[in-house]
N, C-alpha and C. Protein backbone atom coordinates (compact mmCIF):
# COMPACT_ATOMS: atom_id res chain seq x y z
N MET A 1 -42.21 173.91 28.92
CA MET A 1 -42.60 172.53 29.11
C MET A 1 -42.81 171.85 27.75
N ARG A 2 -43.54 172.55 26.87
CA ARG A 2 -43.80 171.99 25.54
C ARG A 2 -42.49 171.79 24.78
N GLU A 3 -41.57 172.75 24.91
CA GLU A 3 -40.29 172.64 24.22
C GLU A 3 -39.52 171.41 24.71
N MET A 4 -39.58 171.15 26.01
CA MET A 4 -38.90 169.99 26.57
C MET A 4 -39.51 168.70 26.05
N CYS A 5 -40.84 168.65 25.93
CA CYS A 5 -41.53 167.48 25.40
C CYS A 5 -41.15 167.25 23.94
N MET A 6 -41.08 168.33 23.17
CA MET A 6 -40.71 168.23 21.76
C MET A 6 -39.28 167.73 21.61
N ARG A 7 -38.40 168.20 22.48
CA ARG A 7 -37.01 167.76 22.45
C ARG A 7 -36.91 166.26 22.75
N GLN A 8 -37.68 165.80 23.74
CA GLN A 8 -37.70 164.38 24.08
C GLN A 8 -38.26 163.57 22.92
N LEU A 9 -39.31 164.08 22.28
CA LEU A 9 -39.90 163.40 21.14
C LEU A 9 -38.89 163.30 20.00
N PHE A 10 -38.19 164.39 19.73
CA PHE A 10 -37.18 164.39 18.68
C PHE A 10 -36.10 163.35 18.97
N LYS A 11 -35.61 163.34 20.20
CA LYS A 11 -34.57 162.37 20.58
C LYS A 11 -35.10 160.95 20.47
N SER A 12 -36.35 160.73 20.80
CA SER A 12 -36.95 159.41 20.70
C SER A 12 -37.04 158.96 19.24
N VAL A 13 -37.45 159.88 18.38
CA VAL A 13 -37.55 159.56 16.95
C VAL A 13 -36.18 159.20 16.39
N ILE A 14 -35.17 160.00 16.74
CA ILE A 14 -33.81 159.70 16.28
C ILE A 14 -33.35 158.37 16.85
N GLY A 15 -33.64 158.14 18.12
CA GLY A 15 -33.25 156.88 18.75
C GLY A 15 -33.86 155.68 18.08
N ILE A 16 -35.15 155.76 17.78
CA ILE A 16 -35.82 154.64 17.10
C ILE A 16 -35.23 154.44 15.72
N PHE A 17 -35.02 155.53 14.99
CA PHE A 17 -34.41 155.43 13.67
C PHE A 17 -33.05 154.75 13.74
N LEU A 18 -32.25 155.17 14.70
CA LEU A 18 -30.90 154.62 14.80
C LEU A 18 -30.91 153.17 15.27
N LEU A 19 -31.87 152.80 16.08
CA LEU A 19 -31.98 151.40 16.49
C LEU A 19 -32.31 150.51 15.30
N ILE A 20 -33.05 151.06 14.36
CA ILE A 20 -33.40 150.30 13.17
C ILE A 20 -32.24 150.27 12.18
N VAL A 21 -31.62 151.41 11.97
CA VAL A 21 -30.60 151.53 10.93
C VAL A 21 -29.20 151.14 11.41
N LEU A 22 -28.88 151.49 12.63
CA LEU A 22 -27.52 151.29 13.12
C LEU A 22 -27.47 150.45 14.39
N PRO A 23 -27.79 149.17 14.33
CA PRO A 23 -27.81 148.39 15.56
C PRO A 23 -26.41 148.28 16.17
N LEU A 24 -26.31 148.72 17.43
CA LEU A 24 -25.04 148.68 18.13
C LEU A 24 -25.10 147.77 19.35
N SER A 25 -26.17 147.04 19.50
CA SER A 25 -26.32 146.17 20.65
C SER A 25 -25.31 145.03 20.58
N PRO A 26 -24.76 144.61 21.74
CA PRO A 26 -23.82 143.51 21.74
C PRO A 26 -24.41 142.23 21.17
N GLY A 27 -25.72 142.11 21.09
CA GLY A 27 -26.35 140.92 20.54
C GLY A 27 -26.25 140.85 19.03
N PHE A 28 -25.90 141.93 18.39
CA PHE A 28 -25.77 141.95 16.94
C PHE A 28 -24.31 141.80 16.55
N ALA A 29 -24.09 141.26 15.35
CA ALA A 29 -22.75 141.31 14.81
C ALA A 29 -22.43 142.77 14.57
N GLU A 30 -21.23 143.16 14.88
CA GLU A 30 -20.92 144.59 14.78
C GLU A 30 -20.47 144.94 13.37
N GLU A 31 -21.44 144.97 12.50
CA GLU A 31 -21.21 145.39 11.13
C GLU A 31 -21.94 146.69 10.92
N MET A 32 -21.66 147.30 9.81
CA MET A 32 -22.37 148.52 9.46
C MET A 32 -23.27 148.18 8.27
N PRO A 33 -24.55 147.90 8.56
CA PRO A 33 -25.45 147.48 7.49
C PRO A 33 -25.74 148.58 6.47
N VAL A 34 -25.56 149.82 6.86
CA VAL A 34 -25.78 150.94 5.96
C VAL A 34 -24.44 151.64 5.75
N PRO A 35 -24.01 151.82 4.51
CA PRO A 35 -22.71 152.43 4.25
C PRO A 35 -22.61 153.86 4.80
N ILE A 36 -21.41 154.25 5.17
CA ILE A 36 -21.13 155.59 5.69
C ILE A 36 -21.66 156.66 4.73
N GLU A 37 -21.51 156.43 3.43
CA GLU A 37 -21.92 157.41 2.43
C GLU A 37 -23.42 157.66 2.47
N VAL A 38 -24.19 156.74 3.04
CA VAL A 38 -25.63 156.92 3.19
C VAL A 38 -25.95 157.44 4.60
N GLN A 39 -25.28 156.86 5.60
CA GLN A 39 -25.56 157.22 7.00
C GLN A 39 -25.35 158.69 7.29
N VAL A 40 -24.17 159.18 7.00
CA VAL A 40 -23.79 160.53 7.44
C VAL A 40 -24.67 161.61 6.82
N PRO A 41 -24.92 161.61 5.51
CA PRO A 41 -25.81 162.64 4.98
C PRO A 41 -27.22 162.56 5.59
N LEU A 42 -27.66 161.34 5.85
CA LEU A 42 -28.98 161.16 6.46
C LEU A 42 -29.00 161.71 7.88
N ILE A 43 -27.97 161.44 8.65
CA ILE A 43 -27.87 161.96 10.02
C ILE A 43 -27.83 163.49 9.98
N MET A 44 -27.04 164.06 9.09
CA MET A 44 -26.94 165.52 8.99
C MET A 44 -28.29 166.14 8.62
N LYS A 45 -29.02 165.48 7.74
CA LYS A 45 -30.34 165.99 7.34
C LYS A 45 -31.32 165.89 8.50
N ILE A 46 -31.31 164.78 9.22
CA ILE A 46 -32.21 164.60 10.36
C ILE A 46 -31.93 165.67 11.43
N LEU A 47 -30.67 166.00 11.64
CA LEU A 47 -30.33 167.03 12.63
C LEU A 47 -31.03 168.35 12.35
N THR A 48 -31.18 168.68 11.08
CA THR A 48 -31.78 169.98 10.73
C THR A 48 -33.26 170.05 11.10
N PHE A 49 -33.89 168.92 11.38
CA PHE A 49 -35.30 168.91 11.77
C PHE A 49 -35.48 169.12 13.28
N ASP A 50 -34.39 169.17 14.01
CA ASP A 50 -34.45 169.41 15.45
C ASP A 50 -34.92 170.85 15.67
N ARG A 51 -35.99 171.02 16.39
CA ARG A 51 -36.50 172.38 16.66
C ARG A 51 -35.51 173.21 17.46
N ASN A 52 -34.62 172.56 18.16
CA ASN A 52 -33.62 173.25 18.97
C ASN A 52 -32.25 173.23 18.31
N PHE A 53 -32.22 173.08 17.00
CA PHE A 53 -30.94 172.97 16.30
C PHE A 53 -30.04 174.16 16.61
N GLU A 54 -30.57 175.36 16.49
CA GLU A 54 -29.77 176.56 16.71
C GLU A 54 -29.22 176.61 18.14
N GLN A 55 -30.01 176.14 19.10
CA GLN A 55 -29.58 176.12 20.49
C GLN A 55 -28.55 175.02 20.74
N ASN A 56 -28.78 173.84 20.18
CA ASN A 56 -27.88 172.70 20.40
C ASN A 56 -26.56 172.85 19.66
N PHE A 57 -26.61 173.50 18.52
CA PHE A 57 -25.42 173.67 17.69
C PHE A 57 -25.25 175.17 17.41
N GLU A 58 -24.93 175.91 18.46
CA GLU A 58 -24.89 177.38 18.38
C GLU A 58 -23.97 177.89 17.28
N THR A 59 -22.75 177.39 17.23
CA THR A 59 -21.80 177.91 16.25
C THR A 59 -21.34 176.85 15.26
N GLU A 60 -21.30 175.59 15.68
CA GLU A 60 -20.83 174.53 14.79
C GLU A 60 -21.28 173.17 15.29
N VAL A 61 -21.20 172.19 14.40
CA VAL A 61 -21.49 170.80 14.76
C VAL A 61 -20.13 170.15 15.01
N ASN A 62 -19.89 169.77 16.26
CA ASN A 62 -18.63 169.12 16.64
C ASN A 62 -18.90 167.63 16.86
N ILE A 63 -18.38 166.83 15.97
CA ILE A 63 -18.64 165.39 16.01
C ILE A 63 -17.43 164.67 16.59
N GLY A 64 -17.68 163.83 17.58
CA GLY A 64 -16.65 162.97 18.14
C GLY A 64 -16.86 161.57 17.62
N ILE A 65 -15.87 161.01 16.96
CA ILE A 65 -15.93 159.65 16.44
C ILE A 65 -15.16 158.76 17.41
N VAL A 66 -15.88 157.91 18.14
CA VAL A 66 -15.25 157.05 19.14
C VAL A 66 -14.99 155.69 18.50
N TYR A 67 -13.73 155.27 18.51
CA TYR A 67 -13.39 153.98 17.92
C TYR A 67 -12.57 153.16 18.92
N THR A 68 -12.44 151.87 18.60
CA THR A 68 -11.65 150.95 19.40
C THR A 68 -10.45 150.52 18.56
N PRO A 69 -9.24 150.85 18.98
CA PRO A 69 -8.06 150.57 18.15
C PRO A 69 -7.80 149.08 17.91
N GLU A 70 -8.31 148.22 18.78
CA GLU A 70 -8.08 146.78 18.63
C GLU A 70 -9.05 146.11 17.66
N ASP A 71 -10.04 146.84 17.21
CA ASP A 71 -11.09 146.26 16.38
C ASP A 71 -10.98 146.77 14.95
N SER A 72 -10.81 145.87 14.00
CA SER A 72 -10.60 146.27 12.61
C SER A 72 -11.83 146.96 12.02
N SER A 73 -13.04 146.51 12.40
CA SER A 73 -14.24 147.16 11.86
C SER A 73 -14.39 148.58 12.42
N SER A 74 -13.93 148.77 13.64
CA SER A 74 -13.97 150.10 14.25
C SER A 74 -13.00 151.04 13.53
N LEU A 75 -11.81 150.54 13.25
CA LEU A 75 -10.81 151.33 12.53
C LEU A 75 -11.28 151.65 11.11
N GLU A 76 -11.92 150.67 10.49
CA GLU A 76 -12.44 150.89 9.13
C GLU A 76 -13.53 151.96 9.14
N ALA A 77 -14.42 151.90 10.13
CA ALA A 77 -15.48 152.91 10.24
C ALA A 77 -14.88 154.29 10.49
N ARG A 78 -13.89 154.35 11.37
CA ARG A 78 -13.22 155.63 11.66
C ARG A 78 -12.64 156.23 10.39
N ASP A 79 -11.93 155.39 9.63
CA ASP A 79 -11.30 155.86 8.39
C ASP A 79 -12.34 156.29 7.36
N SER A 80 -13.44 155.53 7.26
CA SER A 80 -14.50 155.88 6.31
C SER A 80 -15.16 157.20 6.69
N LEU A 81 -15.44 157.36 7.98
CA LEU A 81 -16.06 158.60 8.45
C LEU A 81 -15.13 159.80 8.23
N SER A 82 -13.87 159.63 8.59
CA SER A 82 -12.90 160.71 8.40
C SER A 82 -12.81 161.08 6.92
N GLY A 83 -12.77 160.08 6.07
CA GLY A 83 -12.72 160.32 4.63
C GLY A 83 -13.95 161.05 4.13
N TRP A 84 -15.12 160.64 4.63
CA TRP A 84 -16.35 161.30 4.21
C TRP A 84 -16.33 162.77 4.61
N PHE A 85 -15.93 163.06 5.85
CA PHE A 85 -15.91 164.45 6.31
C PHE A 85 -14.88 165.27 5.55
N GLU A 86 -13.76 164.67 5.21
CA GLU A 86 -12.75 165.39 4.42
C GLU A 86 -13.29 165.72 3.02
N GLN A 87 -13.93 164.75 2.39
CA GLN A 87 -14.48 164.97 1.04
C GLN A 87 -15.66 165.94 1.05
N SER A 88 -16.36 166.01 2.17
CA SER A 88 -17.57 166.84 2.24
C SER A 88 -17.32 168.17 2.94
N ALA A 89 -16.09 168.55 3.03
CA ALA A 89 -15.77 169.83 3.68
C ALA A 89 -16.54 170.93 2.97
N GLY A 90 -17.15 171.79 3.74
CA GLY A 90 -17.93 172.87 3.17
C GLY A 90 -19.42 172.62 3.17
N LYS A 91 -19.82 171.35 3.27
CA LYS A 91 -21.25 171.05 3.39
C LYS A 91 -21.65 171.29 4.83
N THR A 92 -22.65 172.14 5.01
CA THR A 92 -23.02 172.52 6.38
C THR A 92 -24.51 172.38 6.60
N PRO A 93 -24.91 171.77 7.72
CA PRO A 93 -26.33 171.75 8.05
C PRO A 93 -26.74 173.11 8.61
N LYS A 94 -27.67 173.77 7.97
CA LYS A 94 -28.17 175.09 8.39
C LYS A 94 -27.02 176.07 8.63
N THR A 95 -26.09 176.12 7.76
CA THR A 95 -24.93 177.02 7.77
C THR A 95 -23.99 176.83 8.96
N ARG A 96 -24.10 175.73 9.68
CA ARG A 96 -23.18 175.47 10.78
C ARG A 96 -22.02 174.63 10.24
N PRO A 97 -20.79 175.11 10.43
CA PRO A 97 -19.65 174.30 9.99
C PRO A 97 -19.59 172.99 10.78
N VAL A 98 -19.07 171.98 10.13
CA VAL A 98 -18.94 170.67 10.77
C VAL A 98 -17.46 170.40 11.02
N LYS A 99 -17.15 170.09 12.27
CA LYS A 99 -15.80 169.69 12.65
C LYS A 99 -15.90 168.31 13.27
N TYR A 100 -14.84 167.54 13.14
CA TYR A 100 -14.85 166.21 13.73
C TYR A 100 -13.49 165.90 14.34
N ILE A 101 -13.53 165.00 15.30
CA ILE A 101 -12.31 164.47 15.88
C ILE A 101 -12.54 162.98 16.12
N ALA A 102 -11.60 162.19 15.70
CA ALA A 102 -11.66 160.75 15.95
C ALA A 102 -10.73 160.45 17.13
N PHE A 103 -11.24 159.70 18.08
CA PHE A 103 -10.43 159.36 19.24
C PHE A 103 -10.79 157.98 19.75
N ALA A 104 -9.79 157.30 20.27
CA ALA A 104 -9.98 155.96 20.83
C ALA A 104 -10.56 156.06 22.23
N TYR A 105 -11.45 155.14 22.54
CA TYR A 105 -11.96 155.08 23.90
C TYR A 105 -10.90 154.40 24.75
N ASN A 106 -10.42 155.10 25.77
CA ASN A 106 -9.44 154.53 26.69
C ASN A 106 -10.01 154.42 28.09
N THR A 107 -10.46 155.55 28.62
CA THR A 107 -11.03 155.56 29.96
C THR A 107 -12.24 156.49 29.98
N LYS A 108 -13.05 156.32 31.00
CA LYS A 108 -14.23 157.18 31.17
C LYS A 108 -13.80 158.64 31.34
N SER A 109 -12.80 158.88 32.17
CA SER A 109 -12.36 160.26 32.39
C SER A 109 -11.73 160.85 31.13
N GLY A 110 -11.03 160.03 30.37
CA GLY A 110 -10.46 160.50 29.10
C GLY A 110 -11.54 160.88 28.11
N LEU A 111 -12.62 160.10 28.08
CA LEU A 111 -13.75 160.41 27.20
C LEU A 111 -14.40 161.73 27.62
N GLU A 112 -14.64 161.89 28.91
CA GLU A 112 -15.25 163.12 29.41
C GLU A 112 -14.37 164.34 29.10
N GLN A 113 -13.07 164.18 29.25
CA GLN A 113 -12.15 165.28 28.98
C GLN A 113 -12.17 165.65 27.49
N THR A 114 -12.18 164.65 26.63
CA THR A 114 -12.22 164.90 25.18
C THR A 114 -13.52 165.60 24.79
N ILE A 115 -14.63 165.14 25.34
CA ILE A 115 -15.93 165.74 25.04
C ILE A 115 -15.93 167.21 25.45
N THR A 116 -15.41 167.49 26.63
CA THR A 116 -15.40 168.86 27.13
C THR A 116 -14.43 169.74 26.36
N SER A 117 -13.21 169.27 26.16
CA SER A 117 -12.20 170.11 25.53
C SER A 117 -12.51 170.41 24.05
N HIS A 118 -13.19 169.50 23.38
CA HIS A 118 -13.52 169.70 21.97
C HIS A 118 -14.97 170.15 21.77
N GLN A 119 -15.68 170.37 22.86
CA GLN A 119 -17.08 170.83 22.82
C GLN A 119 -17.93 169.96 21.89
N ILE A 120 -17.79 168.66 22.04
CA ILE A 120 -18.50 167.71 21.18
C ILE A 120 -20.00 167.78 21.49
N ASN A 121 -20.79 167.89 20.42
CA ASN A 121 -22.23 167.91 20.59
C ASN A 121 -22.94 166.81 19.79
N LEU A 122 -22.17 165.95 19.13
CA LEU A 122 -22.69 164.75 18.49
C LEU A 122 -21.62 163.67 18.60
N LEU A 123 -21.99 162.52 19.12
CA LEU A 123 -21.04 161.44 19.33
C LEU A 123 -21.39 160.28 18.40
N TYR A 124 -20.45 159.87 17.57
CA TYR A 124 -20.65 158.74 16.67
C TYR A 124 -19.87 157.57 17.24
N ILE A 125 -20.56 156.51 17.60
CA ILE A 125 -19.92 155.33 18.18
C ILE A 125 -19.74 154.30 17.07
N THR A 126 -18.50 153.97 16.77
CA THR A 126 -18.22 153.00 15.71
C THR A 126 -18.44 151.58 16.22
N PRO A 127 -18.59 150.62 15.30
CA PRO A 127 -18.67 149.23 15.72
C PRO A 127 -17.42 148.86 16.53
N GLY A 128 -17.55 147.87 17.38
CA GLY A 128 -16.41 147.43 18.19
C GLY A 128 -16.40 148.05 19.58
N ASN A 129 -17.37 148.90 19.87
CA ASN A 129 -17.43 149.56 21.18
C ASN A 129 -18.47 148.95 22.11
N SER A 130 -18.93 147.75 21.82
CA SER A 130 -19.99 147.16 22.63
C SER A 130 -19.58 147.01 24.10
N GLU A 131 -18.32 146.78 24.34
CA GLU A 131 -17.83 146.64 25.71
C GLU A 131 -17.96 147.96 26.49
N HIS A 132 -17.86 149.07 25.78
CA HIS A 132 -17.89 150.39 26.42
C HIS A 132 -19.23 151.10 26.21
N LEU A 133 -20.16 150.45 25.56
CA LEU A 133 -21.40 151.11 25.15
C LEU A 133 -22.16 151.72 26.31
N LYS A 134 -22.30 151.01 27.41
CA LYS A 134 -23.05 151.54 28.55
C LYS A 134 -22.42 152.84 29.06
N THR A 135 -21.10 152.85 29.20
CA THR A 135 -20.39 154.05 29.66
C THR A 135 -20.54 155.19 28.66
N LEU A 136 -20.38 154.88 27.38
CA LEU A 136 -20.52 155.90 26.34
C LEU A 136 -21.90 156.54 26.37
N LEU A 137 -22.93 155.72 26.49
CA LEU A 137 -24.29 156.25 26.50
C LEU A 137 -24.59 157.03 27.78
N THR A 138 -24.08 156.56 28.91
CA THR A 138 -24.28 157.28 30.17
C THR A 138 -23.67 158.67 30.11
N ILE A 139 -22.44 158.75 29.61
CA ILE A 139 -21.76 160.05 29.51
C ILE A 139 -22.45 160.96 28.50
N SER A 140 -22.85 160.41 27.37
CA SER A 140 -23.50 161.26 26.37
C SER A 140 -24.86 161.76 26.88
N GLN A 141 -25.59 160.93 27.60
CA GLN A 141 -26.86 161.38 28.16
C GLN A 141 -26.65 162.44 29.23
N ALA A 142 -25.66 162.25 30.07
CA ALA A 142 -25.37 163.22 31.13
C ALA A 142 -25.00 164.57 30.55
N ASN A 143 -24.35 164.56 29.39
CA ASN A 143 -23.91 165.81 28.75
C ASN A 143 -24.88 166.28 27.66
N GLN A 144 -26.02 165.60 27.53
CA GLN A 144 -27.03 165.91 26.53
C GLN A 144 -26.43 165.98 25.12
N ILE A 145 -25.68 164.94 24.79
CA ILE A 145 -25.05 164.84 23.48
C ILE A 145 -25.82 163.84 22.64
N ILE A 146 -26.17 164.23 21.43
CA ILE A 146 -26.83 163.31 20.51
C ILE A 146 -25.82 162.23 20.16
N THR A 147 -26.27 160.98 20.22
CA THR A 147 -25.36 159.86 20.01
C THR A 147 -25.89 158.96 18.91
N VAL A 148 -25.02 158.63 17.97
CA VAL A 148 -25.39 157.71 16.88
C VAL A 148 -24.35 156.62 16.79
C-alpha cells in the first residue's frame, strides 16, 4: 500500500514539474520553452529518483517520441530529440540503456500497437499533438507509461 502511495506521489511530482516546464495544453502556444538539451537530461535525472525505477525499467528505458507530421514544431522537436539521443548514446540512467523510436500519431490502435511492440515505458509527446492529447494520455495511463 505504501509503495503504491509513493508511486502516485512520484507521478504527481513529475506531473506538476512537467506542467510547469512543458505546457502541452491546447490553451498554450505549442512552443518548447525549455530547449531539448536541458529537458532530456533533466527528465533522465528525475527518472532515477523513482523508487520503482528498477521495476519500471527492468532492462532498458524505451522512449516513444510521438510527433505530428503536419506540424513543423513537432517535426523540429522530433529531430532535436533524435539528435540528442544519438549524441548521448552510452549515457544511461542507473546503468539502463536508453532506446528510442520516433513515430507519427495516426490512429489509437496504431499507437497501442507501437507501444506494445516496442515495449515503450516513457512517452514523449512533441508539440503539435494537442488534437490527440486526450487519447495519448488515456493510453499512456492505461499502460502505466510515464508521459512527458
